[in-house]
Amino acid sequence: MRDGFLSTDAEDPKPFEGVPFSTMILLSRARFTSDLESQGGGNRSDEEPKFLVGPVFRKTLPSKFNRDALCVDIVSPNSPGTLLRLINCTSTSSRTLSLTVPNR
């Protein structure tokens, strides 16, 4: 799994403390890189340039379940001046699901 994907928060236990759930983002190494040098001609000529993963951060959301949004900034190889932001957050919680889903 680690060979094929870049992952957020895989080594940091802090986002998982004190909450019944957390989020993480997996990005395919075939399309994304976290290494700026790999964009500078290190790719084989038959490979397409990859999206560059920028800062990763969490934004606290107003929620009784301590929800947050996991944000990852992405730079397009075809438009280096353009920043894309991926945002991942959960819309339900384990506590809410346990009240609404039988046998959970």
Protein backbone atom coordinates (compact mmCIF):
# COMPACT_ATOMS: atom_id res chain seq x y z
CA MET A 1 0.00 0.00 0.00
CA ARG A 2 2.74 2.48 0.96
CA ASP A 3 4.62 1.78 -2.26
CA GLY A 4 1.66 2.79 -4.43
CA PHE A 5 0.25 5.74 -2.49
CA LEU A 6 1.24 8.89 -0.68
CA SER A 7 -0.76 9.14 2.55
CA THR A 8 -1.52 11.84 5.06
CA ASP A 9 -1.31 11.28 8.82
CA ALA A 10 -0.14 7.68 8.51
CA GLU A 11 2.72 8.20 10.95
CA ASP A 12 1.09 10.81 13.23
CA PRO A 13 -1.32 9.43 15.88
CA LYS A 14 -2.48 12.89 17.01
CA PRO A 15 -5.46 13.26 14.57
CA PHE A 16 -6.83 9.95 15.89
CA GLU A 17 -6.70 10.85 19.61
CA GLY A 18 -9.93 11.64 21.45
CA VAL A 19 -12.24 11.20 18.46
CA PRO A 20 -14.21 8.14 17.35
CA PHE A 21 -13.11 8.67 13.71
CA SER A 22 -10.62 10.58 11.62
CA THR A 23 -9.84 11.20 7.98
CA MET A 24 -6.83 10.62 5.80
CA ILE A 25 -6.12 11.08 2.12
CA LEU A 26 -4.41 8.58 -0.19
CA LEU A 27 -2.92 9.89 -3.44
CA SER A 28 -1.65 7.58 -6.17
CA ARG A 29 2.11 7.81 -6.71
CA ALA A 30 1.34 7.31 -10.42
CA ARG A 31 -0.18 10.83 -10.55
CA PHE A 32 1.19 12.67 -7.48
CA THR A 33 4.61 13.40 -6.01
CA SER A 34 5.80 15.10 -2.85
CA ASP A 35 9.28 15.56 -4.30
CA LEU A 36 9.89 18.82 -6.17
CA GLU A 37 13.04 17.44 -7.81
CA SER A 38 11.09 14.69 -9.56
CA GLN A 39 9.31 17.42 -11.54
CA GLY A 40 12.54 18.82 -12.92
CA GLY A 41 13.33 16.35 -15.65
CA GLY A 42 13.89 13.27 -13.52
CA ASN A 43 10.89 11.58 -15.09
CA ARG A 44 11.32 9.27 -18.03
CA SER A 45 10.31 10.90 -21.30
CA ASP A 46 7.28 8.61 -21.64
CA GLU A 47 5.92 9.59 -18.20
CA GLU A 48 3.44 12.40 -17.74
CA PRO A 49 4.39 15.10 -15.22
CA LYS A 50 2.87 14.57 -11.79
CA PHE A 51 0.83 16.82 -9.53
CA LEU A 52 2.96 18.20 -6.71
CA VAL A 53 1.62 17.76 -3.18
CA GLY A 54 2.02 20.92 -1.12
CA PRO A 55 1.13 21.68 2.50
CA VAL A 56 -1.20 19.35 4.41
CA PHE A 57 -3.19 20.77 7.30
CA ARG A 58 -6.36 20.34 9.32
CA LYS A 59 -9.06 22.97 9.85
CA THR A 60 -11.28 22.56 12.91
CA LEU A 61 -15.00 22.61 12.13
CA PRO A 62 -17.77 23.64 14.54
CA SER A 63 -19.07 20.25 15.70
CA LYS A 64 -19.99 18.45 18.89
CA PHE A 65 -18.04 15.47 17.50
CA ASN A 66 -14.74 17.39 17.07
CA ARG A 67 -14.87 17.16 13.28
CA ASP A 68 -12.16 18.67 11.17
CA ALA A 69 -11.38 19.09 7.50
CA LEU A 70 -8.17 17.56 6.18
CA CYS A 71 -6.76 19.89 3.50
CA VAL A 72 -4.06 19.13 0.93
CA ASP A 73 -2.77 21.75 -1.48
CA ILE A 74 -1.91 20.45 -4.96
CA VAL A 75 0.03 22.16 -7.77
CA SER A 76 -0.81 21.11 -11.32
CA PRO A 77 2.16 20.22 -13.55
CA ASN A 78 0.43 21.94 -16.47
CA SER A 79 -0.35 25.14 -14.58
CA PRO A 80 2.32 25.76 -11.90
CA GLY A 81 0.74 29.06 -10.81
CA THR A 82 -2.58 27.36 -9.99
CA LEU A 83 -3.18 25.89 -6.55
CA LEU A 84 -5.84 23.25 -6.05
CA ARG A 85 -7.05 22.34 -2.56
CA LEU A 86 -8.44 18.90 -1.77
CA ILE A 87 -10.62 18.87 1.35
CA ASN A 88 -11.73 15.70 3.09
CA CYS A 89 -14.11 15.61 6.03
CA THR A 90 -16.54 13.08 7.37
CA SER A 91 -20.24 13.89 7.33
CA THR A 92 -21.27 11.43 10.03
CA SER A 93 -19.72 10.05 13.16
CA SER A 94 -19.56 6.64 14.76
CA ARG A 95 -21.81 7.82 17.59
CA THR A 96 -24.47 9.05 15.19
CA LEU A 97 -24.27 5.87 13.12
CA SER A 98 -24.56 3.65 16.17
CA LEU A 99 -27.86 5.35 17.01
CA THR A 100 -29.31 5.02 13.51
CA VAL A 101 -27.89 1.79 12.10
CA PRO A 102 -29.09 -1.45 13.71
CA ASN A 103 -26.51 -3.99 14.97
CA ARG A 104 -23.64 -1.56 14.97
